[in-house]
């Protein structure tokens, strides 16, 4: 079984934190700083757009779309979701910990 390595996610999260307005993120030079400066409406809209693009890419897989397209869209979705986590003072390691907590727990059992 492969162990999920959170190093890449942690490094990205570290960079995203430098883009926060309180940490001097400059919206004139950074896309992430611009989204964070505009506030939740901006990055939440992007998450919605990326989620839609992910769904469309997944549906296109049945028509021969290469795997790379779906992977690209999921990466965009994860990235923009990480911007939301950063805004709210959360880390991707916490998401991984939550997934680990759920491992082996039936979704049906958990919801009941």
PDB file of N, CA and C in Angstrom:
ATOM      1  N   UNK A   1       0.847  -1.185   0.000  1.00  0.00           N
ATOM      2  CA  UNK A   1       0.000   0.000   0.000  1.00  0.00           C
ATOM      3  C   UNK A   1       0.886   1.240   0.000  1.00  0.00           C
ATOM      4  N   UNK A   2       0.595   2.183  -0.889  1.00  0.00           N
ATOM      5  CA  UNK A   2       1.346   3.435  -0.940  1.00  0.00           C
ATOM      6  C   UNK A   2       0.921   4.353   0.198  1.00  0.00           C
ATOM      7  N   UNK A   3       1.899   5.025   0.775  1.00  0.00           N
ATOM      8  CA  UNK A   3       1.613   6.021   1.793  1.00  0.00           C
ATOM      9  C   UNK A   3       1.487   7.363   1.095  1.00  0.00           C
ATOM     10  N   UNK A   4       0.412   8.068   1.371  1.00  0.00           N
ATOM     11  CA  UNK A   4       0.186   9.370   0.751  1.00  0.00           C
ATOM     12  C   UNK A   4       1.189  10.363   1.311  1.00  0.00           C
ATOM     13  N   UNK A   5       1.889  11.025   0.433  1.00  0.00           N
ATOM     14  CA  UNK A   5       2.901  11.990   0.834  1.00  0.00           C
ATOM     15  C   UNK A   5       2.302  13.382   0.755  1.00  0.00           C
ATOM     16  N   UNK A   6       2.223  14.042   1.908  1.00  0.00           N
ATOM     17  CA  UNK A   6       1.623  15.373   1.947  1.00  0.00           C
ATOM     18  C   UNK A   6       2.649  16.486   1.756  1.00  0.00           C
ATOM     19  N   UNK A   7       3.901  16.135   1.473  1.00  0.00           N
ATOM     20  CA  UNK A   7       4.944  17.163   1.342  1.00  0.00           C
ATOM     21  C   UNK A   7       4.614  18.206   0.277  1.00  0.00           C
ATOM     22  N   UNK A   8       4.161  17.772  -0.882  1.00  0.00           N
ATOM     23  CA  UNK A   8       3.843  18.716  -1.959  1.00  0.00           C
ATOM     24  C   UNK A   8       2.704  19.631  -1.525  1.00  0.00           C
ATOM     25  N   UNK A   9       1.674  19.052  -0.948  1.00  0.00           N
ATOM     26  CA  UNK A   9       0.547  19.863  -0.487  1.00  0.00           C
ATOM     27  C   UNK A   9       0.988  20.851   0.595  1.00  0.00           C
ATOM     28  N   UNK A  10       1.843  20.405   1.491  1.00  0.00           N
ATOM     29  CA  UNK A  10       2.332  21.292   2.558  1.00  0.00           C
ATOM     30  C   UNK A  10       3.162  22.435   1.978  1.00  0.00           C
ATOM     31  N   UNK A  11       4.003  22.132   0.992  1.00  0.00           N
ATOM     32  CA  UNK A  11       4.814  23.201   0.376  1.00  0.00           C
ATOM     33  C   UNK A  11       3.936  24.216  -0.343  1.00  0.00           C
ATOM     34  N   UNK A  12       2.933  23.727  -1.057  1.00  0.00           N
ATOM     35  CA  UNK A  12       2.009  24.648  -1.735  1.00  0.00           C
ATOM     36  C   UNK A  12       1.272  25.491  -0.696  1.00  0.00           C
ATOM     37  N   UNK A  13       0.802  24.856   0.369  1.00  0.00           N
ATOM     38  CA  UNK A  13       0.089  25.590   1.422  1.00  0.00           C
ATOM     39  C   UNK A  13       0.988  26.657   2.044  1.00  0.00           C
ATOM     40  N   UNK A  14       2.256  26.340   2.224  1.00  0.00           N
ATOM     41  CA  UNK A  14       3.203  27.325   2.773  1.00  0.00           C
ATOM     42  C   UNK A  14       3.291  28.551   1.862  1.00  0.00           C
ATOM     43  N   UNK A  15       3.369  28.315   0.560  1.00  0.00           N
ATOM     44  CA  UNK A  15       3.436  29.436  -0.390  1.00  0.00           C
ATOM     45  C   UNK A  15       2.128  30.217  -0.370  1.00  0.00           C
ATOM     46  N   UNK A  16       1.008  29.515  -0.351  1.00  0.00           N
ATOM     47  CA  UNK A  16      -0.287  30.203  -0.329  1.00  0.00           C
ATOM     48  C   UNK A  16      -0.397  31.116   0.887  1.00  0.00           C
ATOM     49  N   UNK A  17       0.114  30.684   2.015  1.00  0.00           N
ATOM     50  CA  UNK A  17       0.065  31.514   3.226  1.00  0.00           C
ATOM     51  C   UNK A  17       0.833  32.823   3.042  1.00  0.00           C
ATOM     52  N   UNK A  18       1.886  32.801   2.236  1.00  0.00           N
ATOM     53  CA  UNK A  18       2.638  34.042   2.000  1.00  0.00           C
ATOM     54  C   UNK A  18       1.843  35.018   1.145  1.00  0.00           C
ATOM     55  N   UNK A  19       0.800  34.534   0.494  1.00  0.00           N
ATOM     56  CA  UNK A  19      -0.012  35.384  -0.383  1.00  0.00           C
ATOM     57  C   UNK A  19      -1.180  36.051   0.349  1.00  0.00           C
ATOM     58  N   UNK A  20      -1.395  35.684   1.612  1.00  0.00           N
ATOM     59  CA  UNK A  20      -2.455  36.316   2.397  1.00  0.00           C
ATOM     60  C   UNK A  20      -2.177  37.807   2.550  1.00  0.00           C
ATOM     61  N   UNK A  21      -3.218  38.640   2.512  1.00  0.00           N
ATOM     62  CA  UNK A  21      -3.010  40.077   2.700  1.00  0.00           C
ATOM     63  C   UNK A  21      -2.245  40.397   3.986  1.00  0.00           C
ATOM     64  N   UNK A  22      -2.546  39.698   5.076  1.00  0.00           N
ATOM     65  CA  UNK A  22      -1.872  39.964   6.349  1.00  0.00           C
ATOM     66  C   UNK A  22      -0.387  39.601   6.323  1.00  0.00           C
ATOM     67  N   UNK A  23       0.008  38.798   5.343  1.00  0.00           N
ATOM     68  CA  UNK A  23       1.415  38.410   5.208  1.00  0.00           C
ATOM     69  C   UNK A  23       2.099  39.161   4.071  1.00  0.00           C
ATOM     70  N   UNK A  24       1.442  40.190   3.566  1.00  0.00           N
ATOM     71  CA  UNK A  24       2.036  41.020   2.528  1.00  0.00           C
ATOM     72  C   UNK A  24       1.793  40.563   1.107  1.00  0.00           C
ATOM     73  N   UNK A  25       0.857  39.641   0.909  1.00  0.00           N
ATOM     74  CA  UNK A  25       0.542  39.201  -0.450  1.00  0.00           C
ATOM     75  C   UNK A  25       0.124  40.383  -1.309  1.00  0.00           C
ATOM     76  N   UNK A  26       0.738  40.494  -2.464  1.00  0.00           N
ATOM     77  CA  UNK A  26       0.503  41.642  -3.339  1.00  0.00           C
ATOM     78  C   UNK A  26      -0.423  41.258  -4.493  1.00  0.00           C
ATOM     79  N   UNK A  27      -1.656  41.757  -4.486  1.00  0.00           N
ATOM     80  CA  UNK A  27      -2.596  41.398  -5.551  1.00  0.00           C
ATOM     81  C   UNK A  27      -2.191  41.880  -6.939  1.00  0.00           C
ATOM     82  N   UNK A  28      -1.242  42.813  -7.008  1.00  0.00           N
ATOM     83  CA  UNK A  28      -0.816  43.288  -8.328  1.00  0.00           C
ATOM     84  C   UNK A  28       0.219  42.359  -8.959  1.00  0.00           C
ATOM     85  N   UNK A  29       0.783  41.451  -8.166  1.00  0.00           N
ATOM     86  CA  UNK A  29       1.823  40.563  -8.705  1.00  0.00           C
ATOM     87  C   UNK A  29       1.503  39.083  -8.545  1.00  0.00           C
ATOM     88  N   UNK A  30       0.416  38.766  -7.839  1.00  0.00           N
ATOM     89  CA  UNK A  30       0.109  37.366  -7.553  1.00  0.00           C
ATOM     90  C   UNK A  30      -1.363  37.078  -7.772  1.00  0.00           C
ATOM     91  N   UNK A  31      -1.631  36.070  -8.574  1.00  0.00           N
ATOM     92  CA  UNK A  31      -3.008  35.612  -8.814  1.00  0.00           C
ATOM     93  C   UNK A  31      -3.673  35.192  -7.512  1.00  0.00           C
ATOM     94  N   UNK A  32      -2.955  34.414  -6.698  1.00  0.00           N
ATOM     95  CA  UNK A  32      -3.512  33.939  -5.428  1.00  0.00           C
ATOM     96  C   UNK A  32      -3.781  35.112  -4.497  1.00  0.00           C
ATOM     97  N   UNK A  33      -2.828  36.040  -4.398  1.00  0.00           N
ATOM     98  CA  UNK A  33      -3.028  37.214  -3.544  1.00  0.00           C
ATOM     99  C   UNK A  33      -4.245  38.011  -4.010  1.00  0.00           C
ATOM    100  N   UNK A  34      -4.444  38.082  -5.317  1.00  0.00           N
ATOM    101  CA  UNK A  34      -5.610  38.808  -5.852  1.00  0.00           C
ATOM    102  C   UNK A  34      -6.905  38.130  -5.404  1.00  0.00           C
ATOM    103  N   UNK A  35      -6.968  36.803  -5.510  1.00  0.00           N
ATOM    104  CA  UNK A  35      -8.164  36.086  -5.070  1.00  0.00           C
ATOM    105  C   UNK A  35      -8.388  36.264  -3.569  1.00  0.00           C
ATOM    106  N   UNK A  36      -7.315  36.148  -2.795  1.00  0.00           N
ATOM    107  CA  UNK A  36      -7.437  36.285  -1.345  1.00  0.00           C
ATOM    108  C   UNK A  36      -7.819  37.711  -0.953  1.00  0.00           C
ATOM    109  N   UNK A  37      -7.289  38.687  -1.672  1.00  0.00           N
ATOM    110  CA  UNK A  37      -7.606  40.089  -1.400  1.00  0.00           C
ATOM    111  C   UNK A  37      -9.084  40.379  -1.679  1.00  0.00           C
ATOM    112  N   UNK A  38      -9.614  39.789  -2.752  1.00  0.00           N
ATOM    113  CA  UNK A  38     -11.023  39.999  -3.105  1.00  0.00           C
ATOM    114  C   UNK A  38     -11.966  39.333  -2.112  1.00  0.00           C
ATOM    115  N   UNK A  39     -11.489  38.302  -1.421  1.00  0.00           N
ATOM    116  CA  UNK A  39     -12.296  37.637  -0.408  1.00  0.00           C
ATOM    117  C   UNK A  39     -12.985  36.382  -0.899  1.00  0.00           C
ATOM    118  N   UNK A  40     -13.768  35.781  -0.005  1.00  0.00           N
ATOM    119  CA  UNK A  40     -14.372  34.480  -0.294  1.00  0.00           C
ATOM    120  C   UNK A  40     -15.174  34.403  -1.583  1.00  0.00           C
ATOM    121  N   UNK A  41     -15.930  35.436  -1.931  1.00  0.00           N
ATOM    122  CA  UNK A  41     -16.737  35.339  -3.150  1.00  0.00           C
ATOM    123  C   UNK A  41     -15.870  35.017  -4.367  1.00  0.00           C
ATOM    124  N   UNK A  42     -14.675  35.596  -4.430  1.00  0.00           N
ATOM    125  CA  UNK A  42     -13.798  35.387  -5.590  1.00  0.00           C
ATOM    126  C   UNK A  42     -13.288  33.953  -5.654  1.00  0.00           C
ATOM    127  N   UNK A  43     -12.712  33.457  -4.545  1.00  0.00           N
ATOM    128  CA  UNK A  43     -12.147  32.103  -4.635  1.00  0.00           C
ATOM    129  C   UNK A  43     -13.221  31.029  -4.585  1.00  0.00           C
ATOM    130  N   UNK A  44     -14.350  31.301  -3.955  1.00  0.00           N
ATOM    131  CA  UNK A  44     -15.431  30.313  -3.974  1.00  0.00           C
ATOM    132  C   UNK A  44     -16.033  30.187  -5.368  1.00  0.00           C
ATOM    133  N   UNK A  45     -16.129  31.289  -6.084  1.00  0.00           N
ATOM    134  CA  UNK A  45     -16.590  31.242  -7.471  1.00  0.00           C
ATOM    135  C   UNK A  45     -15.639  30.386  -8.308  1.00  0.00           C
ATOM    136  N   UNK A  46     -14.326  30.571  -8.103  1.00  0.00           N
ATOM    137  CA  UNK A  46     -13.341  29.777  -8.848  1.00  0.00           C
ATOM    138  C   UNK A  46     -13.476  28.298  -8.511  1.00  0.00           C
ATOM    139  N   UNK A  47     -13.732  27.975  -7.246  1.00  0.00           N
ATOM    140  CA  UNK A  47     -13.912  26.569  -6.864  1.00  0.00           C
ATOM    141  C   UNK A  47     -15.109  25.994  -7.613  1.00  0.00           C
ATOM    142  N   UNK A  48     -16.188  26.749  -7.689  1.00  0.00           N
ATOM    143  CA  UNK A  48     -17.366  26.289  -8.431  1.00  0.00           C
ATOM    144  C   UNK A  48     -17.057  26.050  -9.902  1.00  0.00           C
ATOM    145  N   UNK A  49     -16.319  26.984 -10.501  1.00  0.00           N
ATOM    146  CA  UNK A  49     -15.945  26.837 -11.913  1.00  0.00           C
ATOM    147  C   UNK A  49     -15.068  25.599 -12.112  1.00  0.00           C
ATOM    148  N   UNK A  50     -14.097  25.433 -11.226  1.00  0.00           N
ATOM    149  CA  UNK A  50     -13.181  24.292 -11.365  1.00  0.00           C
ATOM    150  C   UNK A  50     -13.908  22.974 -11.110  1.00  0.00           C
ATOM    151  N   UNK A  51     -14.868  22.964 -10.193  1.00  0.00           N
ATOM    152  CA  UNK A  51     -15.647  21.749  -9.944  1.00  0.00           C
ATOM    153  C   UNK A  51     -16.448  21.379 -11.189  1.00  0.00           C
ATOM    154  N   UNK A  52     -17.038  22.372 -11.826  1.00  0.00           N
ATOM    155  CA  UNK A  52     -17.794  22.123 -13.057  1.00  0.00           C
ATOM    156  C   UNK A  52     -16.884  21.589 -14.155  1.00  0.00           C
ATOM    157  N   UNK A  53     -15.698  22.191 -14.299  1.00  0.00           N
ATOM    158  CA  UNK A  53     -14.749  21.725 -15.316  1.00  0.00           C
ATOM    159  C   UNK A  53     -14.279  20.300 -15.015  1.00  0.00           C
ATOM    160  N   UNK A  54     -14.154  19.961 -13.736  1.00  0.00           N
ATOM    161  CA  UNK A  54     -13.762  18.602 -13.352  1.00  0.00           C
ATOM    162  C   UNK A  54     -14.851  17.611 -13.743  1.00  0.00           C
ATOM    163  N   UNK A  55     -16.090  17.960 -13.466  1.00  0.00           N
ATOM    164  CA  UNK A  55     -17.216  17.095 -13.832  1.00  0.00           C
ATOM    165  C   UNK A  55     -17.263  16.905 -15.345  1.00  0.00           C
ATOM    166  N   UNK A  56     -17.100  17.983 -16.081  1.00  0.00           N
ATOM    167  CA  UNK A  56     -17.143  17.890 -17.548  1.00  0.00           C
ATOM    168  C   UNK A  56     -16.010  17.012 -18.077  1.00  0.00           C
ATOM    169  N   UNK A  57     -14.808  17.169 -17.510  1.00  0.00           N
ATOM    170  CA  UNK A  57     -13.678  16.346 -17.949  1.00  0.00           C
ATOM    171  C   UNK A  57     -13.928  14.870 -17.625  1.00  0.00           C
ATOM    172  N   UNK A  58     -14.497  14.607 -16.462  1.00  0.00           N
ATOM    173  CA  UNK A  58     -14.785  13.215 -16.088  1.00  0.00           C
ATOM    174  C   UNK A  58     -15.818  12.613 -17.039  1.00  0.00           C
ATOM    175  N   UNK A  59     -16.837  13.381 -17.376  1.00  0.00           N
ATOM    176  CA  UNK A  59     -17.839  12.879 -18.312  1.00  0.00           C
ATOM    177  C   UNK A  59     -17.219  12.628 -19.689  1.00  0.00           C
ATOM    178  N   UNK A  60     -16.293  13.492 -20.090  1.00  0.00           N
ATOM    179  CA  UNK A  60     -15.647  13.340 -21.395  1.00  0.00           C
ATOM    180  C   UNK A  60     -14.737  12.119 -21.469  1.00  0.00           C
ATOM    181  N   UNK A  61     -14.381  11.562 -20.319  1.00  0.00           N
ATOM    182  CA  UNK A  61     -13.520  10.376 -20.310  1.00  0.00           C
ATOM    183  C   UNK A  61     -14.196   9.227 -21.058  1.00  0.00           C
ATOM    184  N   UNK A  62     -15.510   9.136 -20.980  1.00  0.00           N
ATOM    185  CA  UNK A  62     -16.214   8.046 -21.659  1.00  0.00           C
ATOM    186  C   UNK A  62     -16.193   8.216 -23.176  1.00  0.00           C
ATOM    187  N   UNK A  63     -15.780   9.394 -23.647  1.00  0.00           N
ATOM    188  CA  UNK A  63     -15.709   9.660 -25.088  1.00  0.00           C
ATOM    189  C   UNK A  63     -14.264   9.751 -25.574  1.00  0.00           C
ATOM    190  N   UNK A  64     -13.349   9.234 -24.756  1.00  0.00           N
ATOM    191  CA  UNK A  64     -11.965   9.152 -25.194  1.00  0.00           C
ATOM    192  C   UNK A  64     -11.065  10.300 -24.779  1.00  0.00           C
ATOM    193  N   UNK A  65     -11.551  11.194 -23.927  1.00  0.00           N
ATOM    194  CA  UNK A  65     -10.693  12.280 -23.437  1.00  0.00           C
ATOM    195  C   UNK A  65      -9.516  11.659 -22.688  1.00  0.00           C
ATOM    196  N   UNK A  66      -8.310  12.153 -22.919  1.00  0.00           N
ATOM    197  CA  UNK A  66      -7.157  11.572 -22.231  1.00  0.00           C
ATOM    198  C   UNK A  66      -7.213  11.809 -20.718  1.00  0.00           C
ATOM    199  N   UNK A  67      -6.626  10.881 -19.979  1.00  0.00           N
ATOM    200  CA  UNK A  67      -6.570  10.984 -18.524  1.00  0.00           C
ATOM    201  C   UNK A  67      -5.990  12.319 -18.076  1.00  0.00           C
ATOM    202  N   UNK A  68      -5.057  12.837 -18.854  1.00  0.00           N
ATOM    203  CA  UNK A  68      -4.361  14.066 -18.474  1.00  0.00           C
ATOM    204  C   UNK A  68      -5.324  15.234 -18.292  1.00  0.00           C
ATOM    205  N   UNK A  69      -6.411  15.268 -19.036  1.00  0.00           N
ATOM    206  CA  UNK A  69      -7.377  16.361 -18.918  1.00  0.00           C
ATOM    207  C   UNK A  69      -8.078  16.324 -17.563  1.00  0.00           C
ATOM    208  N   UNK A  70      -8.498  15.153 -17.146  1.00  0.00           N
ATOM    209  CA  UNK A  70      -9.149  15.026 -15.846  1.00  0.00           C
ATOM    210  C   UNK A  70      -8.165  15.338 -14.723  1.00  0.00           C
ATOM    211  N   UNK A  71      -6.953  14.840 -14.832  1.00  0.00           N
ATOM    212  CA  UNK A  71      -5.944  15.122 -13.809  1.00  0.00           C
ATOM    213  C   UNK A  71      -5.670  16.617 -13.710  1.00  0.00           C
ATOM    214  N   UNK A  72      -5.601  17.292 -14.840  1.00  0.00           N
ATOM    215  CA  UNK A  72      -5.375  18.739 -14.878  1.00  0.00           C
ATOM    216  C   UNK A  72      -6.495  19.482 -14.156  1.00  0.00           C
ATOM    217  N   UNK A  73      -7.727  19.103 -14.442  1.00  0.00           N
ATOM    218  CA  UNK A  73      -8.874  19.787 -13.831  1.00  0.00           C
ATOM    219  C   UNK A  73      -8.967  19.502 -12.340  1.00  0.00           C
ATOM    220  N   UNK A  74      -8.672  18.273 -11.926  1.00  0.00           N
ATOM    221  CA  UNK A  74      -8.687  17.959 -10.496  1.00  0.00           C
ATOM    222  C   UNK A  74      -7.592  18.750  -9.779  1.00  0.00           C
ATOM    223  N   UNK A  75      -6.437  18.880 -10.409  1.00  0.00           N
ATOM    224  CA  UNK A  75      -5.360  19.676  -9.809  1.00  0.00           C
ATOM    225  C   UNK A  75      -5.800  21.130  -9.637  1.00  0.00           C
ATOM    226  N   UNK A  76      -6.473  21.683 -10.634  1.00  0.00           N
ATOM    227  CA  UNK A  76      -7.007  23.051 -10.510  1.00  0.00           C
ATOM    228  C   UNK A  76      -8.011  23.150  -9.364  1.00  0.00           C
ATOM    229  N   UNK A  77      -8.881  22.158  -9.266  1.00  0.00           N
ATOM    230  CA  UNK A  77      -9.883  22.155  -8.201  1.00  0.00           C
ATOM    231  C   UNK A  77      -9.218  22.079  -6.830  1.00  0.00           C
ATOM    232  N   UNK A  78      -8.275  21.183  -6.680  1.00  0.00           N
ATOM    233  CA  UNK A  78      -7.562  21.057  -5.395  1.00  0.00           C
ATOM    234  C   UNK A  78      -6.847  22.364  -5.057  1.00  0.00           C
ATOM    235  N   UNK A  79      -6.187  22.954  -6.048  1.00  0.00           N
ATOM    236  CA  UNK A  79      -5.432  24.182  -5.812  1.00  0.00           C
ATOM    237  C   UNK A  79      -6.354  25.292  -5.301  1.00  0.00           C
ATOM    238  N   UNK A  80      -7.466  25.493  -5.979  1.00  0.00           N
ATOM    239  CA  UNK A  80      -8.370  26.560  -5.568  1.00  0.00           C
ATOM    240  C   UNK A  80      -9.030  26.245  -4.227  1.00  0.00           C
ATOM    241  N   UNK A  81      -9.259  24.977  -3.957  1.00  0.00           N
ATOM    242  CA  UNK A  81      -9.768  24.588  -2.646  1.00  0.00           C
ATOM    243  C   UNK A  81      -8.730  24.882  -1.567  1.00  0.00           C
ATOM    244  N   UNK A  82      -7.459  24.705  -1.900  1.00  0.00           N
ATOM    245  CA  UNK A  82      -6.397  25.027  -0.943  1.00  0.00           C
ATOM    246  C   UNK A  82      -6.343  26.526  -0.650  1.00  0.00           C
ATOM    247  N   UNK A  83      -6.708  27.340  -1.617  1.00  0.00           N
ATOM    248  CA  UNK A  83      -6.787  28.784  -1.371  1.00  0.00           C
ATOM    249  C   UNK A  83      -7.862  29.060  -0.314  1.00  0.00           C
ATOM    250  N   UNK A  84      -8.995  28.377  -0.418  1.00  0.00           N
ATOM    251  CA  UNK A  84     -10.048  28.533   0.592  1.00  0.00           C
ATOM    252  C   UNK A  84      -9.545  28.081   1.957  1.00  0.00           C
ATOM    253  N   UNK A  85      -8.885  26.944   2.012  1.00  0.00           N
ATOM    254  CA  UNK A  85      -8.332  26.470   3.281  1.00  0.00           C
ATOM    255  C   UNK A  85      -7.404  27.523   3.880  1.00  0.00           C
ATOM    256  N   UNK A  86      -6.547  28.092   3.045  1.00  0.00           N
ATOM    257  CA  UNK A  86      -5.602  29.108   3.510  1.00  0.00           C
ATOM    258  C   UNK A  86      -6.346  30.300   4.089  1.00  0.00           C
ATOM    259  N   UNK A  87      -7.357  30.762   3.386  1.00  0.00           N
ATOM    260  CA  UNK A  87      -8.136  31.913   3.863  1.00  0.00           C
ATOM    261  C   UNK A  87      -8.709  31.650   5.256  1.00  0.00           C
ATOM    262  N   UNK A  88      -9.168  30.437   5.481  1.00  0.00           N
ATOM    263  CA  UNK A  88      -9.821  30.097   6.738  1.00  0.00           C
ATOM    264  C   UNK A  88      -8.854  29.543   7.788  1.00  0.00           C
ATOM    265  N   UNK A  89      -7.548  29.622   7.497  1.00  0.00           N
ATOM    266  CA  UNK A  89      -6.549  29.196   8.479  1.00  0.00           C
ATOM    267  C   UNK A  89      -6.436  27.696   8.655  1.00  0.00           C
ATOM    268  N   UNK A  90      -6.784  26.967   7.612  1.00  0.00           N
ATOM    269  CA  UNK A  90      -6.721  25.505   7.651  1.00  0.00           C
ATOM    270  C   UNK A  90      -5.617  25.007   6.722  1.00  0.00           C
ATOM    271  N   UNK A  91      -5.227  23.754   6.899  1.00  0.00           N
ATOM    272  CA  UNK A  91      -4.122  23.172   6.149  1.00  0.00           C
ATOM    273  C   UNK A  91      -4.566  21.894   5.446  1.00  0.00           C
ATOM    274  N   UNK A  92      -3.924  21.564   4.323  1.00  0.00           N
ATOM    275  CA  UNK A  92      -4.268  20.317   3.631  1.00  0.00           C
ATOM    276  C   UNK A  92      -3.982  19.084   4.485  1.00  0.00           C
ATOM    277  N   UNK A  93      -3.016  19.174   5.377  1.00  0.00           N
ATOM    278  CA  UNK A  93      -2.723  18.044   6.258  1.00  0.00           C
ATOM    279  C   UNK A  93      -3.934  17.703   7.121  1.00  0.00           C
ATOM    280  N   UNK A  94      -4.731  18.715   7.442  1.00  0.00           N
ATOM    281  CA  UNK A  94      -5.943  18.474   8.217  1.00  0.00           C
ATOM    282  C   UNK A  94      -6.979  17.720   7.390  1.00  0.00           C
ATOM    283  N   UNK A  95      -7.035  18.012   6.106  1.00  0.00           N
ATOM    284  CA  UNK A  95      -7.952  17.285   5.216  1.00  0.00           C
ATOM    285  C   UNK A  95      -7.506  15.831   5.113  1.00  0.00           C
ATOM    286  N   UNK A  96      -6.210  15.613   4.947  1.00  0.00           N
ATOM    287  CA  UNK A  96      -5.680  14.252   4.865  1.00  0.00           C
ATOM    288  C   UNK A  96      -5.969  13.498   6.163  1.00  0.00           C
ATOM    289  N   UNK A  97      -5.816  14.173   7.297  1.00  0.00           N
ATOM    290  CA  UNK A  97      -6.123  13.536   8.585  1.00  0.00           C
ATOM    291  C   UNK A  97      -7.597  13.154   8.669  1.00  0.00           C
ATOM    292  N   UNK A  98      -8.473  14.023   8.153  1.00  0.00           N
ATOM    293  CA  UNK A  98      -9.905  13.702   8.154  1.00  0.00           C
ATOM    294  C   UNK A  98     -10.192  12.503   7.256  1.00  0.00           C
ATOM    295  N   UNK A  99      -9.545  12.444   6.101  1.00  0.00           N
ATOM    296  CA  UNK A  99      -9.713  11.279   5.222  1.00  0.00           C
ATOM    297  C   UNK A  99      -9.212  10.015   5.906  1.00  0.00           C
ATOM    298  N   UNK A 100      -8.081  10.115   6.599  1.00  0.00           N
ATOM    299  CA  UNK A 100      -7.539   8.961   7.327  1.00  0.00           C
ATOM    300  C   UNK A 100      -8.511   8.514   8.417  1.00  0.00           C
ATOM    301  N   UNK A 101      -9.137   9.481   9.080  1.00  0.00           N
ATOM    302  CA  UNK A 101     -10.115   9.140  10.119  1.00  0.00           C
ATOM    303  C   UNK A 101     -11.285   8.358   9.528  1.00  0.00           C
ATOM    304  N   UNK A 102     -11.672   8.715   8.321  1.00  0.00           N
ATOM    305  CA  UNK A 102     -12.816   8.066   7.662  1.00  0.00           C
ATOM    306  C   UNK A 102     -12.455   6.724   7.036  1.00  0.00           C
ATOM    307  N   UNK A 103     -11.182   6.459   6.855  1.00  0.00           N
ATOM    308  CA  UNK A 103     -10.747   5.236   6.172  1.00  0.00           C
ATOM    309  C   UNK A 103     -11.344   4.006   6.859  1.00  0.00           C
ATOM    310  N   UNK A 104     -11.973   3.187   6.080  1.00  0.00           N
ATOM    311  CA  UNK A 104     -12.546   1.950   6.596  1.00  0.00           C
ATOM    312  C   UNK A 104     -13.908   2.131   7.243  1.00  0.00           C
ATOM    313  N   UNK A 105     -14.413   3.361   7.265  1.00  0.00           N
ATOM    314  CA  UNK A 105     -15.735   3.620   7.835  1.00  0.00           C
ATOM    315  C   UNK A 105     -16.722   3.693   6.681  1.00  0.00           C
ATOM    316  N   UNK A 106     -17.748   2.887   6.752  1.00  0.00           N
ATOM    317  CA  UNK A 106     -18.759   2.898   5.712  1.00  0.00           C
ATOM    318  C   UNK A 106     -19.465   4.242   5.699  1.00  0.00           C
ATOM    319  N   UNK A 107     -19.597   4.827   4.521  1.00  0.00           N
ATOM    320  CA  UNK A 107     -20.317   6.077   4.393  1.00  0.00           C
ATOM    321  C   UNK A 107     -21.768   5.942   4.840  1.00  0.00           C
ATOM    322  N   UNK A 108     -22.341   4.801   4.587  1.00  0.00           N
ATOM    323  CA  UNK A 108     -23.728   4.569   5.005  1.00  0.00           C
ATOM    324  C   UNK A 108     -23.817   4.553   6.522  1.00  0.00           C
ATOM    325  N   UNK A 109     -22.848   3.862   7.163  1.00  0.00           N
ATOM    326  CA  UNK A 109     -22.832   3.822   8.633  1.00  0.00           C
ATOM    327  C   UNK A 109     -22.571   5.209   9.217  1.00  0.00           C
ATOM    328  N   UNK A 110     -21.644   5.940   8.613  1.00  0.00           N
ATOM    329  CA  UNK A 110     -21.286   7.251   9.134  1.00  0.00           C
ATOM    330  C   UNK A 110     -22.462   8.226   9.061  1.00  0.00           C
ATOM    331  N   UNK A 111     -23.257   8.139   8.004  1.00  0.00           N
ATOM    332  CA  UNK A 111     -24.378   9.062   7.820  1.00  0.00           C
ATOM    333  C   UNK A 111     -25.563   8.721   8.717  1.00  0.00           C
ATOM    334  N   UNK A 112     -25.616   7.477   9.213  1.00  0.00           N
ATOM    335  CA  UNK A 112     -26.781   7.091  10.028  1.00  0.00           C
ATOM    336  C   UNK A 112     -26.626   7.476  11.479  1.00  0.00           C
TER     337      UNK A 112
END
